[in-house]
């Protein structure tokens, strides 16, 4: 006699309504549809919901690099990633960098004849800093060609490219000196 399927449940996996994201070293829990919608971008979550306004949303189309953050050690455009896609991942914003981070210092100090400043209006700066952080974490002594490649997705409307490249070089030197002092 065949068994009746009446009363038995199928094992159907349902998506979890809980989203967990590690942001600047702290785990945050979000409920899908209450805290995060399926179409919410990571940049919107970070800036508008959590107040991480260091990242800038300039084009909101992935074309300028201003919204760059680091996800699991790689630089990403936060306007092009859905917040739900970052479930279980680690995000680092510019606010998560130490005040004495050599990259932040190098960008702030950069103002040399022949190279100019690494920042002017500041809209692009957080994105350049975060991409530089990801680059130097992976390659502490990059060539100028590698620097240009790593920063190629960024736009500086003030035209500070030479100063920015020089700041990356100085940041690399600062990191090397810190390593020697350790």
C-alpha atoms as a PDB file:
ATOM      1  CA  UNK A   1       0.000   0.000   0.000  1.00  0.00           C
ATOM      2  CA  UNK A   2       1.517   3.363  -0.984  1.00  0.00           C
ATOM      3  CA  UNK A   3       2.186   5.874   1.758  1.00  0.00           C
ATOM      4  CA  UNK A   4       0.209   9.062   1.694  1.00  0.00           C
ATOM      5  CA  UNK A   5       2.157  12.283   1.281  1.00  0.00           C
ATOM      6  CA  UNK A   6      -0.507  14.020   3.268  1.00  0.00           C
ATOM      7  CA  UNK A   7       0.963  15.698   6.324  1.00  0.00           C
ATOM      8  CA  UNK A   8       4.599  15.500   5.240  1.00  0.00           C
ATOM      9  CA  UNK A   9       6.622  18.618   4.530  1.00  0.00           C
ATOM     10  CA  UNK A  10       9.127  19.046   1.765  1.00  0.00           C
ATOM     11  CA  UNK A  11      12.522  20.438   2.724  1.00  0.00           C
ATOM     12  CA  UNK A  12      12.422  23.716   0.867  1.00  0.00           C
ATOM     13  CA  UNK A  13      15.171  26.215   1.589  1.00  0.00           C
ATOM     14  CA  UNK A  14      13.808  29.676   2.178  1.00  0.00           C
ATOM     15  CA  UNK A  15      16.040  32.706   2.059  1.00  0.00           C
ATOM     16  CA  UNK A  16      16.940  34.028   5.468  1.00  0.00           C
ATOM     17  CA  UNK A  17      15.350  37.337   6.370  1.00  0.00           C
ATOM     18  CA  UNK A  18      18.494  38.165   8.335  1.00  0.00           C
ATOM     19  CA  UNK A  19      21.406  39.954   6.697  1.00  0.00           C
ATOM     20  CA  UNK A  20      24.693  40.177   8.608  1.00  0.00           C
ATOM     21  CA  UNK A  21      27.422  42.520   7.427  1.00  0.00           C
ATOM     22  CA  UNK A  22      30.695  43.340   9.161  1.00  0.00           C
ATOM     23  CA  UNK A  23      31.267  47.072   8.705  1.00  0.00           C
ATOM     24  CA  UNK A  24      34.477  48.666   9.967  1.00  0.00           C
ATOM     25  CA  UNK A  25      35.066  45.749  12.326  1.00  0.00           C
ATOM     26  CA  UNK A  26      31.555  45.557  13.808  1.00  0.00           C
ATOM     27  CA  UNK A  27      28.863  43.076  12.804  1.00  0.00           C
ATOM     28  CA  UNK A  28      25.507  44.628  11.922  1.00  0.00           C
ATOM     29  CA  UNK A  29      22.272  42.656  11.675  1.00  0.00           C
ATOM     30  CA  UNK A  30      19.525  43.724   9.295  1.00  0.00           C
ATOM     31  CA  UNK A  31      16.125  42.283   8.580  1.00  0.00           C
ATOM     32  CA  UNK A  32      15.196  41.957   4.928  1.00  0.00           C
ATOM     33  CA  UNK A  33      12.245  44.161   4.006  1.00  0.00           C
ATOM     34  CA  UNK A  34      12.386  45.991   7.326  1.00  0.00           C
ATOM     35  CA  UNK A  35      15.945  47.368   7.334  1.00  0.00           C
ATOM     36  CA  UNK A  36      17.086  46.482   3.819  1.00  0.00           C
ATOM     37  CA  UNK A  37      15.075  46.127   0.644  1.00  0.00           C
ATOM     38  CA  UNK A  38      16.148  43.704  -2.089  1.00  0.00           C
ATOM     39  CA  UNK A  39      16.989  46.630  -4.401  1.00  0.00           C
ATOM     40  CA  UNK A  40      18.880  48.831  -1.902  1.00  0.00           C
ATOM     41  CA  UNK A  41      22.474  49.523  -2.865  1.00  0.00           C
ATOM     42  CA  UNK A  42      25.341  49.179  -0.445  1.00  0.00           C
ATOM     43  CA  UNK A  43      26.132  52.889  -0.874  1.00  0.00           C
ATOM     44  CA  UNK A  44      22.581  53.823   0.166  1.00  0.00           C
ATOM     45  CA  UNK A  45      22.731  51.531   3.193  1.00  0.00           C
ATOM     46  CA  UNK A  46      26.084  52.894   4.309  1.00  0.00           C
ATOM     47  CA  UNK A  47      25.373  56.599   3.748  1.00  0.00           C
ATOM     48  CA  UNK A  48      21.653  57.025   4.310  1.00  0.00           C
ATOM     49  CA  UNK A  49      20.829  54.283   6.804  1.00  0.00           C
ATOM     50  CA  UNK A  50      24.074  54.039   8.800  1.00  0.00           C
ATOM     51  CA  UNK A  51      25.558  57.522   8.413  1.00  0.00           C
ATOM     52  CA  UNK A  52      28.902  56.577   6.861  1.00  0.00           C
ATOM     53  CA  UNK A  53      29.028  59.768   4.819  1.00  0.00           C
ATOM     54  CA  UNK A  54      32.761  59.559   4.120  1.00  0.00           C
ATOM     55  CA  UNK A  55      31.984  57.620   0.973  1.00  0.00           C
ATOM     56  CA  UNK A  56      30.566  59.846  -1.730  1.00  0.00           C
ATOM     57  CA  UNK A  57      27.911  59.017  -4.288  1.00  0.00           C
ATOM     58  CA  UNK A  58      28.692  61.163  -7.276  1.00  0.00           C
ATOM     59  CA  UNK A  59      27.483  59.446 -10.444  1.00  0.00           C
ATOM     60  CA  UNK A  60      25.542  56.531  -8.866  1.00  0.00           C
ATOM     61  CA  UNK A  61      26.309  54.549 -12.030  1.00  0.00           C
ATOM     62  CA  UNK A  62      29.703  52.985 -11.288  1.00  0.00           C
ATOM     63  CA  UNK A  63      31.593  55.405 -13.480  1.00  0.00           C
ATOM     64  CA  UNK A  64      33.492  57.685 -11.092  1.00  0.00           C
ATOM     65  CA  UNK A  65      34.861  55.635  -8.175  1.00  0.00           C
ATOM     66  CA  UNK A  66      33.793  58.110  -5.465  1.00  0.00           C
ATOM     67  CA  UNK A  67      31.763  55.453  -3.624  1.00  0.00           C
ATOM     68  CA  UNK A  68      34.610  52.929  -3.403  1.00  0.00           C
ATOM     69  CA  UNK A  69      34.797  50.809  -0.261  1.00  0.00           C
ATOM     70  CA  UNK A  70      36.760  47.664   0.480  1.00  0.00           C
ATOM     71  CA  UNK A  71      34.867  44.367   0.594  1.00  0.00           C
ATOM     72  CA  UNK A  72      36.829  41.354   1.790  1.00  0.00           C
ATOM     73  CA  UNK A  73      40.101  43.110   0.922  1.00  0.00           C
ATOM     74  CA  UNK A  74      39.145  44.220  -2.601  1.00  0.00           C
ATOM     75  CA  UNK A  75      38.011  47.674  -3.672  1.00  0.00           C
ATOM     76  CA  UNK A  76      34.423  47.736  -4.931  1.00  0.00           C
ATOM     77  CA  UNK A  77      31.967  50.358  -6.116  1.00  0.00           C
ATOM     78  CA  UNK A  78      29.300  50.449  -3.428  1.00  0.00           C
ATOM     79  CA  UNK A  79      26.725  51.985  -5.776  1.00  0.00           C
ATOM     80  CA  UNK A  80      26.919  48.876  -7.971  1.00  0.00           C
ATOM     81  CA  UNK A  81      26.429  46.277  -5.239  1.00  0.00           C
ATOM     82  CA  UNK A  82      23.137  45.430  -3.617  1.00  0.00           C
ATOM     83  CA  UNK A  83      23.237  45.503   0.176  1.00  0.00           C
ATOM     84  CA  UNK A  84      21.803  41.964   0.303  1.00  0.00           C
ATOM     85  CA  UNK A  85      24.797  40.727  -1.715  1.00  0.00           C
ATOM     86  CA  UNK A  86      27.123  41.712   1.133  1.00  0.00           C
ATOM     87  CA  UNK A  87      25.543  39.277   3.592  1.00  0.00           C
ATOM     88  CA  UNK A  88      28.371  37.593   5.494  1.00  0.00           C
ATOM     89  CA  UNK A  89      31.035  39.886   4.040  1.00  0.00           C
ATOM     90  CA  UNK A  90      33.372  42.436   5.573  1.00  0.00           C
ATOM     91  CA  UNK A  91      33.134  46.064   4.459  1.00  0.00           C
ATOM     92  CA  UNK A  92      35.651  48.783   5.216  1.00  0.00           C
ATOM     93  CA  UNK A  93      34.746  52.435   4.670  1.00  0.00           C
ATOM     94  CA  UNK A  94      37.068  55.404   4.976  1.00  0.00           C
ATOM     95  CA  UNK A  95      35.723  55.913   8.506  1.00  0.00           C
ATOM     96  CA  UNK A  96      37.192  52.518   9.385  1.00  0.00           C
ATOM     97  CA  UNK A  97      40.752  53.621   8.641  1.00  0.00           C
ATOM     98  CA  UNK A  98      42.940  54.723  11.541  1.00  0.00           C
ATOM     99  CA  UNK A  99      43.456  58.463  11.955  1.00  0.00           C
ATOM    100  CA  UNK A 100      47.190  57.921  11.432  1.00  0.00           C
ATOM    101  CA  UNK A 101      46.784  55.624   8.432  1.00  0.00           C
ATOM    102  CA  UNK A 102      49.804  56.269   6.178  1.00  0.00           C
ATOM    103  CA  UNK A 103      47.557  56.589   3.134  1.00  0.00           C
ATOM    104  CA  UNK A 104      45.351  59.217   4.735  1.00  0.00           C
ATOM    105  CA  UNK A 105      48.472  61.076   5.875  1.00  0.00           C
ATOM    106  CA  UNK A 106      50.096  60.881   2.431  1.00  0.00           C
ATOM    107  CA  UNK A 107      46.998  62.266   0.711  1.00  0.00           C
ATOM    108  CA  UNK A 108      46.693  65.079   3.283  1.00  0.00           C
ATOM    109  CA  UNK A 109      50.372  65.988   3.010  1.00  0.00           C
ATOM    110  CA  UNK A 110      50.639  65.807  -0.784  1.00  0.00           C
ATOM    111  CA  UNK A 111      51.349  69.236  -2.247  1.00  0.00           C
ATOM    112  CA  UNK A 112      54.616  69.278  -4.196  1.00  0.00           C
ATOM    113  CA  UNK A 113      55.768  71.532  -7.021  1.00  0.00           C
ATOM    114  CA  UNK A 114      55.452  69.612 -10.253  1.00  0.00           C
ATOM    115  CA  UNK A 115      52.867  67.224  -8.823  1.00  0.00           C
ATOM    116  CA  UNK A 116      50.379  69.454  -7.034  1.00  0.00           C
ATOM    117  CA  UNK A 117      47.811  68.467  -4.467  1.00  0.00           C
ATOM    118  CA  UNK A 118      46.238  65.054  -4.043  1.00  0.00           C
ATOM    119  CA  UNK A 119      42.928  66.594  -3.110  1.00  0.00           C
ATOM    120  CA  UNK A 120      41.063  69.724  -3.889  1.00  0.00           C
ATOM    121  CA  UNK A 121      37.264  69.599  -3.603  1.00  0.00           C
ATOM    122  CA  UNK A 122      37.376  66.218  -1.827  1.00  0.00           C
ATOM    123  CA  UNK A 123      34.509  64.442  -3.604  1.00  0.00           C
ATOM    124  CA  UNK A 124      36.797  61.815  -5.157  1.00  0.00           C
ATOM    125  CA  UNK A 125      39.267  61.548  -2.277  1.00  0.00           C
ATOM    126  CA  UNK A 126      37.607  58.788  -0.192  1.00  0.00           C
ATOM    127  CA  UNK A 127      37.350  56.550  -3.260  1.00  0.00           C
ATOM    128  CA  UNK A 128      40.986  57.116  -4.217  1.00  0.00           C
ATOM    129  CA  UNK A 129      42.088  56.487  -0.615  1.00  0.00           C
ATOM    130  CA  UNK A 130      40.145  53.222  -0.368  1.00  0.00           C
ATOM    131  CA  UNK A 131      41.432  51.920  -3.709  1.00  0.00           C
ATOM    132  CA  UNK A 132      44.934  52.871  -2.627  1.00  0.00           C
ATOM    133  CA  UNK A 133      44.442  50.991   0.653  1.00  0.00           C
ATOM    134  CA  UNK A 134      43.357  47.852  -1.232  1.00  0.00           C
ATOM    135  CA  UNK A 135      46.263  48.202  -3.680  1.00  0.00           C
ATOM    136  CA  UNK A 136      48.937  48.677  -1.007  1.00  0.00           C
ATOM    137  CA  UNK A 137      47.520  45.858   1.123  1.00  0.00           C
ATOM    138  CA  UNK A 138      47.999  43.551  -1.857  1.00  0.00           C
ATOM    139  CA  UNK A 139      51.136  45.142  -3.303  1.00  0.00           C
ATOM    140  CA  UNK A 140      53.030  47.401  -0.859  1.00  0.00           C
ATOM    141  CA  UNK A 141      55.505  48.628  -3.495  1.00  0.00           C
ATOM    142  CA  UNK A 142      53.591  49.055  -6.756  1.00  0.00           C
ATOM    143  CA  UNK A 143      55.057  50.445  -9.949  1.00  0.00           C
ATOM    144  CA  UNK A 144      53.557  53.640 -11.351  1.00  0.00           C
ATOM    145  CA  UNK A 145      51.855  51.515 -14.034  1.00  0.00           C
ATOM    146  CA  UNK A 146      50.244  49.392 -11.291  1.00  0.00           C
ATOM    147  CA  UNK A 147      49.134  52.533  -9.439  1.00  0.00           C
ATOM    148  CA  UNK A 148      47.541  53.924 -12.596  1.00  0.00           C
ATOM    149  CA  UNK A 149      45.803  50.611 -13.286  1.00  0.00           C
ATOM    150  CA  UNK A 150      44.456  50.339  -9.728  1.00  0.00           C
ATOM    151  CA  UNK A 151      43.087  53.894  -9.831  1.00  0.00           C
ATOM    152  CA  UNK A 152      41.906  53.847 -13.444  1.00  0.00           C
ATOM    153  CA  UNK A 153      38.220  53.632 -12.542  1.00  0.00           C
ATOM    154  CA  UNK A 154      38.296  56.920 -10.647  1.00  0.00           C
ATOM    155  CA  UNK A 155      37.502  60.405 -11.888  1.00  0.00           C
ATOM    156  CA  UNK A 156      38.901  63.549 -10.275  1.00  0.00           C
ATOM    157  CA  UNK A 157      36.978  66.498 -11.626  1.00  0.00           C
ATOM    158  CA  UNK A 158      39.642  68.881 -10.269  1.00  0.00           C
ATOM    159  CA  UNK A 159      42.384  67.098 -12.248  1.00  0.00           C
ATOM    160  CA  UNK A 160      44.622  66.162  -9.313  1.00  0.00           C
ATOM    161  CA  UNK A 161      45.853  62.938 -10.915  1.00  0.00           C
ATOM    162  CA  UNK A 162      49.592  63.669 -10.692  1.00  0.00           C
ATOM    163  CA  UNK A 163      49.290  64.600  -7.017  1.00  0.00           C
ATOM    164  CA  UNK A 164      47.163  61.535  -6.309  1.00  0.00           C
ATOM    165  CA  UNK A 165      49.730  59.218  -7.946  1.00  0.00           C
ATOM    166  CA  UNK A 166      52.481  60.921  -5.953  1.00  0.00           C
ATOM    167  CA  UNK A 167      50.466  60.471  -2.728  1.00  0.00           C
ATOM    168  CA  UNK A 168      50.210  56.730  -3.440  1.00  0.00           C
ATOM    169  CA  UNK A 169      53.998  56.587  -3.868  1.00  0.00           C
ATOM    170  CA  UNK A 170      54.511  58.465  -0.592  1.00  0.00           C
ATOM    171  CA  UNK A 171      52.001  56.199   1.186  1.00  0.00           C
ATOM    172  CA  UNK A 172      53.951  53.174  -0.036  1.00  0.00           C
ATOM    173  CA  UNK A 173      57.147  54.712   1.345  1.00  0.00           C
ATOM    174  CA  UNK A 174      55.460  55.461   4.692  1.00  0.00           C
ATOM    175  CA  UNK A 175      54.239  51.865   4.972  1.00  0.00           C
ATOM    176  CA  UNK A 176      57.745  50.562   4.183  1.00  0.00           C
ATOM    177  CA  UNK A 177      59.236  52.804   6.887  1.00  0.00           C
ATOM    178  CA  UNK A 178      56.663  51.608   9.429  1.00  0.00           C
ATOM    179  CA  UNK A 179      57.544  48.024   8.525  1.00  0.00           C
ATOM    180  CA  UNK A 180      61.224  48.714   9.062  1.00  0.00           C
ATOM    181  CA  UNK A 181      60.505  50.274  12.456  1.00  0.00           C
ATOM    182  CA  UNK A 182      58.551  47.214  13.628  1.00  0.00           C
END
